[in-house]
Protein backbone atom coordinates (compact mmCIF):
# COMPACT_ATOMS: atom_id res chain seq x y z
CA UNK A 1 -10.12 -118.02 75.12
CA UNK A 2 -13.10 -119.37 73.28
CA UNK A 3 -14.74 -122.55 74.47
CA UNK A 4 -16.32 -125.00 72.05
CA UNK A 5 -18.17 -128.26 72.49
CA UNK A 6 -17.29 -130.84 69.81
CA UNK A 7 -19.13 -134.10 69.18
CA UNK A 8 -16.94 -136.90 67.72
CA UNK A 9 -18.69 -140.21 67.04
CA UNK A 10 -21.17 -139.60 69.84
CA UNK A 11 -18.56 -138.51 72.40
CA UNK A 12 -18.71 -134.86 73.45
CA UNK A 13 -15.44 -133.00 74.10
CA UNK A 14 -14.99 -129.48 75.41
CA UNK A 15 -12.21 -127.57 73.66
CA UNK A 16 -10.68 -124.22 74.63
CA UNK A 17 -8.99 -122.24 71.85
CA UNK A 18 -6.86 -119.16 72.42
CA UNK A 19 -7.00 -116.37 69.86
CA UNK A 20 -3.70 -114.72 68.91
CA UNK A 21 -2.95 -111.65 66.82
CA UNK A 22 -1.43 -111.82 63.34
CA UNK A 23 1.91 -110.50 64.64
CA UNK A 24 2.02 -113.23 67.29
CA UNK A 25 1.33 -115.85 64.63
CA UNK A 26 4.27 -114.59 62.51
CA UNK A 27 6.70 -114.66 65.43
CA UNK A 28 5.71 -118.15 66.52
CA UNK A 29 8.50 -120.60 65.82
CA UNK A 30 8.08 -122.71 62.73
CA UNK A 31 7.98 -126.47 63.28
CA UNK A 32 11.14 -128.37 62.45
CA UNK A 33 11.05 -130.07 59.05
CA UNK A 34 10.21 -133.75 59.16
CA UNK A 35 13.11 -136.14 58.74
CA UNK A 36 13.23 -138.05 55.47
CA UNK A 37 12.12 -141.66 55.90
CA UNK A 38 14.92 -144.21 55.98
CA UNK A 39 15.40 -146.17 52.78
CA UNK A 40 14.10 -149.71 53.35
CA UNK A 41 16.62 -152.50 52.95
CA UNK A 42 16.40 -154.06 49.51
CA UNK A 43 15.72 -157.75 49.24
CA UNK A 44 17.97 -159.98 47.17
CA UNK A 45 16.89 -160.35 43.54
CA UNK A 46 14.87 -163.46 42.77
CA UNK A 47 17.01 -165.99 40.94
CA UNK A 48 14.47 -168.78 40.49
CA UNK A 49 12.18 -169.35 37.54
CA UNK A 50 8.40 -169.36 37.78
CA UNK A 51 5.70 -167.08 39.16
CA UNK A 52 7.06 -164.25 41.30
CA UNK A 53 5.27 -163.70 44.62
CA UNK A 54 5.53 -160.00 45.52
CA UNK A 55 4.90 -157.99 48.66
CA UNK A 56 1.37 -156.51 48.56
CA UNK A 57 2.44 -153.68 50.88
CA UNK A 58 5.46 -152.23 52.68
CA UNK A 59 6.38 -153.98 55.92
CA UNK A 60 8.69 -156.34 57.78
CA UNK A 61 8.99 -160.10 57.31
CA UNK A 62 8.10 -161.80 60.61
CA UNK A 63 8.61 -165.37 59.44
CA UNK A 64 9.57 -167.32 56.34
CA UNK A 65 7.86 -170.72 56.27
CA UNK A 66 9.38 -172.10 53.04
CA UNK A 67 12.78 -172.71 51.53
CA UNK A 68 14.06 -173.17 47.99
CA UNK A 69 13.22 -176.62 46.64
CA UNK A 70 10.22 -177.11 48.92
CA UNK A 71 6.90 -178.22 47.40
CA UNK A 72 3.88 -176.15 48.45
CA UNK A 73 0.11 -176.48 48.06
CA UNK A 74 -2.19 -173.73 46.83
CA UNK A 75 -3.19 -171.53 49.79
CA UNK A 76 -0.27 -172.63 51.98
CA UNK A 77 1.26 -169.81 54.06
CA UNK A 78 4.65 -168.92 52.56
CA UNK A 79 5.57 -166.11 54.98
CA UNK A 80 4.11 -163.57 57.38
CA UNK A 81 4.43 -159.85 56.61
CA UNK A 82 3.84 -157.28 59.35
CA UNK A 83 2.42 -153.98 58.11
CA UNK A 84 0.88 -151.28 60.30
CA UNK A 85 1.00 -153.62 63.32
CA UNK A 86 -1.06 -156.24 61.47
CA UNK A 87 0.23 -159.68 60.56
CA UNK A 88 -0.55 -160.56 56.93
CA UNK A 89 -0.14 -164.12 55.69
CA UNK A 90 1.36 -164.36 52.21
CA UNK A 91 -0.14 -167.50 50.66
CA UNK A 92 0.84 -169.58 47.67
CA UNK A 93 -1.39 -168.69 44.70
CA UNK A 94 -0.86 -172.16 43.21
CA UNK A 95 0.66 -175.53 44.01
CA UNK A 96 4.25 -176.00 42.93
CA UNK A 97 7.90 -175.98 43.88
CA UNK A 98 9.58 -172.96 45.48
CA UNK A 99 12.50 -172.12 43.19
CA UNK A 100 13.89 -169.20 45.24
CA UNK A 101 13.30 -167.25 48.44
CA UNK A 102 14.44 -163.62 48.21
CA UNK A 103 13.84 -162.44 51.79
CA UNK A 104 14.69 -163.56 55.29
CA UNK A 105 13.11 -163.08 58.69
CA UNK A 106 13.43 -159.45 59.85
CA UNK A 107 13.87 -158.00 56.34
CA UNK A 108 12.08 -154.78 55.38
CA UNK A 109 10.25 -154.91 52.07
CA UNK A 110 8.55 -152.33 49.86
CA UNK A 111 5.37 -152.81 47.86
CA UNK A 112 6.16 -154.97 44.84
CA UNK A 113 9.42 -156.45 46.12
CA UNK A 114 9.81 -160.11 45.10
CA UNK A 115 9.48 -162.39 48.12
CA UNK A 116 9.88 -165.76 46.40
CA UNK A 117 9.14 -167.61 43.17
CA UNK A 118 7.03 -170.74 42.62
CA UNK A 119 7.30 -172.97 39.55
């Protein structure tokens, strides 16, 4: 065993590392391959006309605050997208009428998926 002292961001940790021979390293079991990530559920295609509002990142829709036909103001929160345990508000880039909503609460979205359209 070799002991080392490691400083990480001002915190000192003591680490003990065991040396093994090359033959021991070869006989060590290989880690299991990682499982392929599940394919995220696809959102419904946007059917409305106008500017498409897309997901800026992969995540889950926590809430949808608009519906088709609703008038929105610029900067109004359209929906909330959870990504990496952070809640991200998706806001209207302009004032207008929501012509379609392509996702629902609980849906998984990928980067670039259409969330809704505003005319």
